[in-house]
Protein backbone atom coordinates (compact mmCIF):
# COMPACT_ATOMS: atom_id res chain seq x y z
CA MET A 1 87.12 119.33 130.36
CA ASN A 2 88.92 121.66 132.97
CA SER A 3 86.15 121.93 135.59
CA LEU A 4 86.70 120.87 139.08
CA TRP A 5 84.16 118.05 138.88
CA VAL A 6 85.94 116.38 136.01
CA VAL A 7 89.22 116.58 137.82
CA ALA A 8 87.56 115.03 140.84
CA ALA A 9 86.04 112.23 138.56
CA VAL A 10 89.57 111.57 137.24
CA LEU A 11 90.84 111.21 140.80
CA ALA A 12 88.14 109.08 141.91
CA PHE A 13 88.22 106.77 138.86
CA SER A 14 92.02 106.45 139.23
CA PHE A 15 91.79 105.61 142.81
CA VAL A 16 89.20 102.93 142.24
CA TRP A 17 91.20 101.47 139.55
CA HIS A 18 94.40 101.35 141.46
CA ARG A 19 92.42 99.60 144.42
CA LYS A 20 91.15 96.99 142.10
CA SER A 21 94.72 96.38 140.58
CA LYS A 22 96.12 95.32 143.84
CA ALA A 23 94.14 92.14 143.63
CA GLN A 24 95.42 91.02 140.25
CA ALA A 25 96.88 87.58 139.77
CA GLY A 26 100.34 88.65 138.62
CA PRO A 27 102.11 91.50 136.95
CA LEU A 28 100.43 93.45 134.08
CA PRO A 29 102.15 93.21 130.65
CA PRO A 30 105.12 95.66 130.34
CA GLY A 31 104.68 99.03 128.73
CA PRO A 32 105.89 102.68 128.64
CA THR A 33 105.79 104.43 131.94
CA PRO A 34 102.60 106.13 132.60
CA VAL A 35 102.19 109.48 134.42
CA PRO A 36 100.30 109.68 137.63
CA ILE A 37 96.40 109.57 137.20
CA LEU A 38 96.34 110.28 133.31
CA GLY A 39 98.37 107.28 132.57
CA ASN A 40 99.81 107.01 129.07
CA VAL A 41 97.52 109.69 127.31
CA ARG A 42 100.79 111.48 126.13
CA ASP A 43 102.00 108.34 124.45
CA LEU A 44 98.98 107.72 122.33
CA THR A 45 98.69 109.22 118.89
CA ALA A 46 95.53 109.98 116.80
CA LYS A 47 97.45 109.28 113.57
CA GLU A 48 99.05 105.95 112.91
CA LEU A 49 98.91 104.59 116.41
CA TRP A 50 100.15 101.24 115.05
CA LEU A 51 103.63 102.79 114.54
CA ALA A 52 103.83 103.96 118.16
CA ALA A 53 102.64 100.45 119.20
CA THR A 54 105.23 98.85 117.09
CA LYS A 55 107.98 100.85 118.73
CA TRP A 56 106.69 99.67 122.01
CA ALA A 57 106.79 96.05 120.88
CA LYS A 58 110.54 96.44 120.16
CA GLN A 59 111.21 97.75 123.58
CA PHE A 60 108.76 95.69 125.71
CA GLY A 61 107.82 92.58 123.76
CA ASP A 62 104.84 91.26 121.89
CA VAL A 63 102.34 92.04 124.59
CA VAL A 64 102.27 95.69 125.84
CA HIS A 65 100.00 97.38 128.25
CA VAL A 66 99.22 101.04 128.58
CA HIS A 67 96.28 102.66 130.39
CA ILE A 68 94.27 105.92 129.97
CA VAL A 69 93.10 107.02 133.52
CA GLY A 70 92.85 103.39 134.39
CA GLN A 71 91.39 102.00 131.33
CA GLY A 72 93.73 99.32 130.10
CA LEU A 73 94.77 98.98 126.46
CA VAL A 74 96.74 95.89 125.42
CA PHE A 75 98.54 95.61 122.21
CA LEU A 76 99.39 92.22 120.70
CA ASN A 77 102.16 92.31 118.36
CA SER A 78 102.95 88.83 117.27
CA PRO A 79 101.13 85.91 115.53
CA GLU A 80 101.40 83.80 118.63
CA ALA A 81 99.79 86.35 120.94
CA THR A 82 96.91 87.17 118.53
CA MET A 83 96.24 83.71 117.82
CA ASP A 84 96.48 82.51 121.47
CA LEU A 85 94.09 85.21 122.81
CA LEU A 86 91.88 86.62 119.94
CA ASP A 87 91.35 83.26 118.05
CA ARG A 88 91.76 80.43 120.58
CA LYS A 89 90.18 82.39 123.52
CA GLY A 90 87.59 84.05 121.37
CA SER A 91 84.81 83.13 123.98
CA ILE A 92 86.29 85.78 126.40
CA TYR A 93 88.11 88.04 124.00
CA GLY A 94 85.21 88.32 121.47
CA ASP A 95 83.36 91.21 123.10
CA LYS A 96 83.45 94.87 121.90
CA PRO A 97 83.73 97.90 124.29
CA ALA A 98 80.59 99.76 125.21
CA LEU A 99 81.92 102.98 123.61
CA VAL A 100 79.72 105.87 124.49
CA MET A 101 80.92 108.08 121.69
CA ALA A 102 80.77 105.58 118.74
CA GLY A 103 77.90 103.65 120.16
CA GLU A 104 75.31 105.61 122.15
CA LEU A 105 76.04 109.05 120.84
CA CYS A 106 76.97 108.44 117.29
CA GLY A 107 74.55 105.42 116.72
CA CYS A 108 77.11 102.74 115.67
CA GLU A 109 76.26 100.39 118.54
CA THR A 110 74.22 98.17 116.02
CA MET A 111 77.05 97.99 113.41
CA VAL A 112 78.64 94.66 113.49
CA ALA A 113 82.10 96.25 114.26
CA PHE A 114 80.64 97.63 117.62
CA THR A 115 77.99 95.20 118.60
CA ARG A 116 78.52 93.80 121.97
CA TYR A 117 79.08 89.95 122.31
CA GLY A 118 75.62 88.17 122.89
CA ASP A 119 72.37 87.43 121.30
CA GLU A 120 72.39 90.36 118.78
CA SER A 121 76.01 89.70 117.64
CA ARG A 122 75.07 85.93 117.10
CA ARG A 123 72.02 86.91 115.09
CA GLN A 124 74.16 89.30 113.07
CA ARG A 125 76.77 86.61 112.40
CA ARG A 126 74.16 84.15 111.07
CA LEU A 127 72.78 86.89 108.63
CA LEU A 128 76.50 87.55 107.51
CA ASN A 129 77.12 83.83 106.91
CA GLN A 130 74.04 83.67 104.90
CA ALA A 131 75.26 86.64 102.71
CA PHE A 132 78.99 86.20 102.62
CA GLY A 133 79.78 82.71 103.67
CA VAL A 134 82.52 80.80 101.56
CA GLN A 135 79.86 78.55 100.16
CA VAL A 136 77.78 81.50 98.93
CA ILE A 137 80.45 83.52 97.21
CA PRO A 138 80.51 81.42 93.93
CA SER A 139 77.03 82.58 93.34
CA TYR A 140 78.18 86.12 92.96
CA HIS A 141 80.89 85.25 90.52
CA PRO A 142 78.92 86.31 87.39
CA LEU A 143 78.13 89.79 89.02
CA ILE A 144 81.72 90.21 90.17
CA ALA A 145 82.78 89.47 86.68
CA THR A 146 80.37 92.04 85.18
CA GLU A 147 81.30 94.73 87.69
CA THR A 148 85.01 94.05 87.05
CA HIS A 149 84.85 94.35 83.33
CA SER A 150 82.77 97.67 83.76
CA PHE A 151 85.48 98.87 86.13
CA ILE A 152 88.29 98.17 83.63
CA GLN A 153 86.26 100.00 80.97
CA ARG A 154 86.02 103.14 83.30
CA LEU A 155 89.65 102.81 84.07
CA VAL A 156 90.73 102.77 80.44
CA ALA A 157 88.43 105.86 79.75
CA ASP A 158 89.56 107.96 82.52
CA PRO A 159 92.61 106.46 84.38
CA SER A 160 93.42 109.56 86.44
CA ASN A 161 90.32 108.97 88.53
CA TYR A 162 91.29 105.51 89.58
CA ILE A 163 90.21 106.03 93.19
CA ASP A 164 86.68 107.10 92.23
CA HIS A 165 86.40 104.23 89.85
CA THR A 166 87.54 101.78 92.61
CA ARG A 167 85.17 103.26 95.06
CA ARG A 168 82.22 102.81 92.67
CA TYR A 169 83.30 99.24 91.91
CA ALA A 170 83.47 98.29 95.60
CA GLY A 171 80.36 100.23 96.62
CA GLY A 172 78.47 99.27 93.55
CA LEU A 173 79.18 95.58 93.86
CA THR A 174 78.00 95.55 97.42
CA LEU A 175 74.89 97.64 96.92
CA SER A 176 74.11 95.19 94.09
CA VAL A 177 74.73 92.07 96.23
CA ILE A 178 73.00 93.26 99.38
CA TYR A 179 70.24 95.64 98.07
CA GLY A 180 69.72 94.85 94.44
CA TYR A 181 70.63 98.46 93.67
CA GLU A 182 72.63 99.54 90.51
CA ALA A 183 74.83 102.55 91.15
CA VAL A 184 74.54 105.20 88.57
CA GLY A 185 77.94 107.07 88.06
CA ASN A 186 80.74 107.72 90.42
CA ASN A 187 78.53 110.40 92.22
CA ASP A 188 75.54 108.02 92.74
CA LYS A 189 73.49 109.10 95.75
CA PHE A 190 74.06 105.97 97.82
CA LEU A 191 77.75 105.73 96.91
CA SER A 192 78.28 109.39 98.06
CA LEU A 193 76.39 108.85 101.11
CA GLY A 194 78.39 105.62 101.82
CA GLU A 195 81.70 107.46 101.27
CA GLU A 196 80.73 110.22 103.58
CA CYS A 197 79.70 107.91 106.49
CA VAL A 198 82.66 105.55 106.06
CA ASP A 199 84.91 108.60 106.25
CA ILE A 200 83.06 109.86 109.30
CA LEU A 201 83.52 106.52 110.87
CA SER A 202 87.21 105.97 110.03
CA ASN A 203 88.56 109.48 110.23
CA LYS A 204 86.37 111.05 113.06
CA ILE A 205 84.66 108.54 115.22
CA ALA A 206 87.32 105.81 115.31
CA SER A 207 90.33 108.00 114.95
CA GLY A 208 93.13 107.21 117.46
CA GLY A 209 91.58 103.83 118.42
CA GLY A 210 88.13 105.20 118.92
CA ILE A 211 88.65 106.11 122.57
CA TRP A 212 87.09 109.44 123.53
CA PRO A 213 86.98 111.17 126.94
CA VAL A 214 83.25 110.47 127.26
CA ASP A 215 84.23 106.74 126.95
CA ILE A 216 86.25 107.05 130.09
CA PHE A 217 83.86 109.35 131.88
CA PRO A 218 80.39 108.50 130.51
CA SER A 219 78.88 111.22 132.68
CA LEU A 220 80.21 113.78 130.24
CA LYS A 221 77.37 112.87 127.81
CA HIS A 222 75.14 114.90 130.11
CA LEU A 223 77.01 118.18 129.60
CA PRO A 224 74.80 120.90 128.32
CA THR A 225 75.70 121.79 124.73
CA TRP A 226 76.60 125.39 125.73
CA ALA A 227 79.20 124.15 128.21
CA PRO A 228 82.97 124.51 127.46
CA GLY A 229 84.18 121.11 126.15
CA SER A 230 80.79 120.04 124.83
CA GLY A 231 81.78 120.26 121.25
CA PHE A 232 81.94 116.55 120.80
CA LEU A 233 78.07 116.22 121.62
CA ILE A 234 77.34 118.55 118.78
CA LYS A 235 79.51 116.64 116.41
CA ALA A 236 78.01 113.34 117.67
CA ALA A 237 74.37 114.47 116.93
CA GLU A 238 75.41 115.33 113.39
CA TRP A 239 77.28 112.11 112.81
CA LYS A 240 74.49 110.01 114.24
CA ALA A 241 71.86 111.64 111.98
CA LYS A 242 74.07 110.87 108.99
CA MET A 243 74.55 107.22 110.03
CA GLU A 244 70.85 106.68 110.58
CA GLU A 245 70.37 108.01 107.00
CA PHE A 246 73.02 105.59 105.70
CA VAL A 247 71.30 102.63 107.37
CA ASP A 248 67.72 103.60 106.32
CA GLN A 249 67.99 104.88 102.68
CA PRO A 250 69.21 101.61 100.86
CA TYR A 251 66.96 99.41 102.97
CA ASN A 252 64.00 101.51 102.25
CA PHE A 253 64.83 101.34 98.64
CA VAL A 254 64.66 97.54 98.81
CA LYS A 255 61.29 97.65 100.48
CA ALA A 256 59.73 100.19 98.11
CA SER A 257 60.91 98.10 95.12
CA LEU A 258 59.50 94.92 96.65
CA THR A 259 56.27 96.73 97.08
CA ALA A 260 56.36 98.09 93.55
CA GLY A 261 57.30 94.69 92.09
CA THR A 262 60.47 96.25 90.56
CA HIS A 263 63.13 94.74 92.74
CA VAL A 264 66.28 92.93 91.54
CA PRO A 265 67.01 89.87 93.48
CA SER A 266 69.41 90.52 96.30
CA PHE A 267 70.32 89.36 99.80
CA CYS A 268 67.81 91.75 101.57
CA SER A 269 64.90 91.14 98.98
CA MET A 270 65.38 87.36 99.37
CA LEU A 271 64.92 87.45 103.12
CA LEU A 272 62.17 90.05 103.06
CA GLU A 273 60.17 87.86 100.75
CA ASP A 274 59.75 85.34 103.57
CA LYS A 275 56.86 87.12 105.32
CA GLU A 276 56.85 84.66 108.20
CA LYS A 277 60.39 85.75 109.30
CA CYS A 278 59.75 89.61 109.05
CA SER A 279 59.18 90.32 112.72
CA PRO A 280 60.40 93.73 113.81
CA GLN A 281 63.39 92.27 115.50
CA PHE A 282 64.43 90.45 112.22
CA GLU A 283 64.01 93.61 110.12
CA PHE A 284 66.09 95.54 112.74
CA ASP A 285 68.87 93.12 112.62
CA LEU A 286 68.73 92.74 108.79
CA LYS A 287 68.79 96.44 108.30
CA HIS A 288 71.81 97.09 110.33
CA THR A 289 73.68 94.02 109.34
CA ALA A 290 73.18 94.92 105.63
CA ASN A 291 74.64 98.32 106.31
CA SER A 292 77.56 96.86 108.08
CA MET A 293 78.30 94.63 105.04
CA TYR A 294 78.53 97.69 102.82
CA SER A 295 80.74 99.59 105.36
CA ALA A 296 83.11 96.57 105.81
CA SER A 297 83.89 95.96 102.25
CA MET A 298 84.27 99.33 100.64
CA ASP A 299 87.32 100.88 102.08
CA THR A 300 89.18 97.60 102.35
CA THR A 301 88.67 96.95 98.64
CA ILE A 302 90.02 100.53 97.81
CA THR A 303 92.91 100.19 100.10
CA VAL A 304 94.08 96.82 98.84
CA PHE A 305 93.65 97.88 95.05
CA CYS A 306 95.47 101.22 95.63
CA HIS A 307 98.35 99.39 97.17
CA PHE A 308 98.37 96.91 94.17
CA LEU A 309 98.61 99.84 91.84
CA LEU A 310 101.49 101.46 93.88
CA ALA A 311 103.37 98.20 93.88
CA MET A 312 103.13 97.73 90.17
CA VAL A 313 104.20 101.35 89.72
CA LEU A 314 107.22 100.88 91.87
CA HIS A 315 108.11 97.23 90.71
CA PRO A 316 107.69 96.85 86.98
CA GLU A 317 109.56 93.56 87.12
CA ALA A 318 106.71 92.01 89.19
CA LEU A 319 104.31 93.54 86.84
CA ALA A 320 106.05 92.06 83.75
CA LYS A 321 106.37 88.53 85.52
CA ALA A 322 102.81 88.46 86.43
CA GLN A 323 101.58 89.57 82.98
CA LYS A 324 103.76 86.79 81.35
CA GLU A 325 101.98 84.26 83.66
CA VAL A 326 98.56 85.57 82.84
CA ASP A 327 99.26 85.55 79.03
CA SER A 328 100.36 81.93 79.31
CA VAL A 329 97.40 80.74 81.17
CA VAL A 330 94.46 83.03 79.75
CA GLY A 331 95.82 83.84 76.38
CA PRO A 332 94.97 86.95 74.20
CA ASP A 333 91.34 86.16 73.25
CA ARG A 334 89.42 86.25 76.53
CA LEU A 335 89.49 87.73 80.13
CA PRO A 336 90.45 85.92 83.28
CA THR A 337 87.88 83.92 85.19
CA PHE A 338 87.83 82.30 88.55
CA SER A 339 88.58 79.04 87.14
CA ASP A 340 92.09 80.37 86.18
CA ARG A 341 93.03 81.02 89.73
CA PRO A 342 94.75 77.73 90.65
CA SER A 343 96.98 78.13 87.57
CA LEU A 344 98.20 81.57 88.31
CA PRO A 345 100.61 81.12 91.45
CA PHE A 346 102.67 84.24 90.97
CA VAL A 347 99.54 86.55 90.51
CA GLU A 348 98.36 84.79 93.92
CA ALA A 349 101.85 85.67 95.42
CA ILE A 350 101.41 89.27 94.21
CA PHE A 351 97.94 89.37 95.95
CA SER A 352 99.29 87.93 99.17
CA GLU A 353 102.29 90.34 99.20
CA THR A 354 99.97 93.27 98.38
CA LEU A 355 97.85 92.32 101.53
CA ARG A 356 100.95 92.03 103.66
CA TRP A 357 102.94 95.01 102.39
CA GLY A 358 99.98 97.33 102.14
CA VAL A 359 98.27 96.22 105.42
CA PRO A 360 94.73 97.66 104.76
CA VAL A 361 93.77 98.09 108.44
CA PRO A 362 97.09 98.12 110.55
CA LEU A 363 95.45 98.16 113.83
CA SER A 364 92.34 96.16 114.35
CA LEU A 365 89.42 97.84 116.11
CA PRO A 366 89.51 96.91 119.91
CA HIS A 367 88.19 93.75 121.38
CA ARG A 368 87.16 93.88 125.07
CA LEU A 369 88.13 91.13 127.58
CA MET A 370 85.03 89.74 129.26
CA GLU A 371 86.85 88.26 132.42
CA ASP A 372 90.28 88.48 134.01
CA ASP A 373 92.91 86.44 132.24
CA VAL A 374 96.50 85.34 132.79
CA TYR A 375 98.73 84.96 129.73
CA ARG A 376 102.41 83.85 130.20
CA GLY A 377 102.19 84.88 133.70
CA MET A 378 100.96 88.26 132.95
CA PHE A 379 97.62 89.50 134.33
CA ILE A 380 95.27 91.08 131.76
CA PRO A 381 92.18 92.61 133.64
CA LYS A 382 88.67 92.27 132.69
CA GLY A 383 87.46 95.11 130.67
CA SER A 384 90.75 95.70 128.94
CA LEU A 385 90.64 96.81 125.31
CA ILE A 386 92.77 94.45 123.10
CA PHE A 387 94.20 95.57 119.84
CA GLY A 388 95.91 93.22 117.39
CA ASN A 389 98.79 95.23 115.92
CA ILE A 390 98.74 93.89 112.34
CA TRP A 391 101.47 96.26 111.26
CA ALA A 392 103.92 94.76 113.71
CA ILE A 393 103.08 91.24 112.68
CA THR A 394 103.50 92.01 108.95
CA ARG A 395 106.73 93.97 109.54
CA ASP A 396 108.28 91.02 111.61
CA GLU A 397 111.68 90.37 110.16
CA THR A 398 111.75 86.76 111.49
CA LEU A 399 108.57 85.95 109.58
CA PHE A 400 109.21 88.18 106.56
CA PRO A 401 112.98 89.12 105.94
CA ASN A 402 113.41 92.46 104.35
CA ALA A 403 109.83 93.17 105.50
CA SER A 404 109.52 96.66 104.20
CA ALA A 405 110.25 95.48 100.62
CA PHE A 406 107.65 94.30 98.11
CA LEU A 407 108.65 90.78 97.38
CA PRO A 408 105.98 88.42 95.90
CA GLU A 409 108.65 85.70 95.56
CA ARG A 410 108.52 85.13 99.23
CA TYR A 411 105.15 83.41 98.72
CA MET A 412 106.59 81.11 96.13
CA GLU A 413 108.75 79.27 98.73
CA LYS A 414 107.63 76.04 99.93
CA VAL A 415 107.42 76.04 103.78
CA ASP A 416 105.71 73.64 106.20
CA PRO A 417 102.01 74.29 106.87
CA ALA A 418 102.42 75.88 110.32
CA LEU A 419 104.91 78.55 108.98
CA ALA A 420 102.81 78.95 105.84
CA LYS A 421 99.74 79.86 108.07
CA LYS A 422 101.89 82.21 110.08
CA ARG A 423 103.07 83.88 107.06
CA ASP A 424 99.58 84.16 105.32
CA PRO A 425 98.54 87.79 105.66
CA ARG A 426 94.91 86.69 105.46
CA SER A 427 95.39 85.22 109.06
CA TYR A 428 95.71 88.86 110.25
CA VAL A 429 94.74 91.65 107.71
CA PHE A 430 90.97 90.94 107.89
CA GLY A 431 90.94 90.81 111.66
CA PHE A 432 90.69 88.10 114.38
CA GLY A 433 88.52 85.36 115.86
CA ARG A 434 84.88 86.07 116.18
CA ARG A 435 85.40 89.61 114.99
CA ARG A 436 86.97 88.93 111.62
CA CYS A 437 85.82 91.34 108.84
CA PRO A 438 82.34 90.18 107.73
CA GLY A 439 83.06 90.92 104.06
CA VAL A 440 86.34 89.11 103.88
CA ASN A 441 85.11 86.52 101.48
CA LEU A 442 83.62 88.88 98.99
CA VAL A 443 86.59 91.23 99.19
CA GLU A 444 88.98 88.24 98.56
CA SER A 445 87.26 87.06 95.54
CA SER A 446 86.44 90.48 93.93
CA VAL A 447 89.83 91.99 94.33
CA TRP A 448 91.67 88.91 93.05
CA LEU A 449 89.58 89.25 89.73
CA MET A 450 90.14 92.98 89.74
CA ILE A 451 93.94 92.72 89.91
CA THR A 452 94.14 89.66 87.52
CA THR A 453 91.94 91.48 84.94
CA VAL A 454 94.18 94.64 85.32
CA LEU A 455 97.25 92.56 84.64
CA ALA A 456 95.69 90.91 81.67
CA THR A 457 94.66 94.13 79.90
CA LEU A 458 96.49 97.21 81.31
CA ASN A 459 100.07 98.56 81.66
CA ILE A 460 100.95 100.49 84.78
CA SER A 461 104.02 102.69 85.17
CA LYS A 462 105.33 105.93 86.58
CA ALA A 463 103.72 109.05 85.13
CA LYS A 464 106.04 111.30 82.99
CA ASP A 465 106.56 114.96 83.04
CA ASP A 466 106.57 117.25 79.94
CA PHE A 467 110.15 116.26 79.19
CA GLY A 468 109.44 112.52 79.35
CA ASN A 469 111.11 112.06 82.74
CA PRO A 470 109.53 109.61 85.33
CA ILE A 471 107.56 111.20 88.20
CA GLU A 472 108.11 109.41 91.47
CA PRO A 473 104.79 108.85 93.12
CA LYS A 474 104.26 110.92 96.31
CA ILE A 475 102.79 108.73 98.90
CA ASP A 476 100.85 110.07 101.92
CA PHE A 477 98.44 108.39 104.33
CA ASN A 478 95.82 110.33 106.04
CA ASN A 479 93.06 107.80 107.08
CA ALA A 480 93.03 107.03 110.79
CA VAL A 481 91.79 103.42 110.37
CA PHE A 482 92.34 102.35 106.76
CA ARG A 483 95.96 102.65 105.33
CA ILE A 484 94.74 104.18 102.14
CA PRO A 485 97.42 105.97 100.15
CA ASP A 486 96.30 109.45 99.03
CA LYS A 487 95.97 109.72 95.36
CA PHE A 488 99.28 109.56 93.49
CA GLN A 489 100.24 110.13 89.87
CA CYS A 490 100.68 107.03 87.58
CA ASP A 491 100.19 106.01 84.05
CA ILE A 492 97.56 103.37 83.29
CA ARG A 493 96.91 102.41 79.59
CA PRO A 494 95.75 99.38 77.58
CA ARG A 495 98.43 96.82 76.92
CA SER A 496 97.31 96.50 73.27
CA GLU A 497 94.42 96.82 70.71
CA GLN A 498 93.68 93.17 71.23
CA ALA A 499 93.07 93.82 74.90
CA LEU A 500 90.60 96.73 74.09
CA LYS A 501 88.95 94.28 71.65
CA VAL A 502 88.51 91.67 74.34
CA LEU A 503 86.98 94.23 76.61
CA ARG A 504 84.57 95.44 74.01
CA GLN A 505 83.55 91.91 73.38
CA ALA A 506 82.89 91.35 77.08
CA GLU A 507 80.88 94.56 77.18
CA ALA A 508 78.82 93.48 74.18
CA ALA A 509 78.12 90.05 75.68
CA ARG A 510 76.57 91.87 78.59
CA SER A 511 74.33 94.03 76.59
């Protein structure tokens, strides 16, 4: 990276960019002062970039511009800005950047999160709607209920491994829905492979917004692997091989089971049975879209559930109030079902506040602007990478007074529809516009039943030391994309013998 030709490329790129900027139709959005040539490289952080962007929002406003050697990055920090641009102008803000590292070198260009706007992304979206559209989700309710009851049983038997159980639940549910595959144990081969690949994607490839030097200077991809600074190429080759394995193995399982006549009905098997549709292009789209469904749902589910658990540990009064509501509606002799949802407003409020307070993905993956745009008199150049700063929105004190506190009661207030939409975390936490999380409807339904069944059957509290003193949970965050709290100590146990009896009855009914 220190060679003379790289420096020359930096200077040339900067010169071209500044020449182009003179033709802009208005001032760029404000932002921190860049240094010559390199721009705002020193202002960006690989970890919790949303916190830096939120500080800029307080200083410069809800639309902030920075650049890395001329590559513009724009952070949208308010509901108005994200809705105006990413939702209402989705036709020009719906593209994804052509990231050389994530896409070409690591093989993620065909994942839904990275696919460029065009025919391929439209084909993927059609498949996603077939699998996860709102109208389809009720057909998965029996499977969600079965997986939820099994999850509670595992949690009762081994509460300290709640993260592993949640991962098995989230991954197992999606493997079953998409591939007809039943995970066997927390260390199942496909679950382990999925966990490894999602970790690579979140904490390595997409760390710090997913922008690597090779994305700014594509010629770096031609460096020989022995050259100084070429270590990223070796890493990319390793990660690409693992990603390809993740795409191919579950899909090949479906095809093999179809051939053997042993398949369990699933999204992939249903579409592959229609031989007339099975062109090479269709199979390519199906294989990569199916893999994206798995990737999109697993860590989101884990993040939301872990934040729910943490909130209940820290707020026993909210737990008691929710349990009282569940008891009054569900009673002691059965488990909650989806038909109970309209009758459980405080549980719904807890779910909403968990989404807002926990913020599963605080900074959305970047969109790419497809043509020059002017917003409130500010010029946003074509090719800019646009980030929705979900953290800043969900910590906005004008929308959410005492925003850092966990207060489900804020969602029990009656407000006008426009304000209710602004305050609904679902408007933000699953992404924006045409790049909204593809698994949102499955996550929404499955996590609701998870937390409601936990409330009905389990007590959650702080762990205690050997002298009976409560242990304050130690909370750290070390995922670069998902705000997953590291494992913390807590006490999870059945509410009563009756709760255990109902769980055993549910298990017997499945057998």
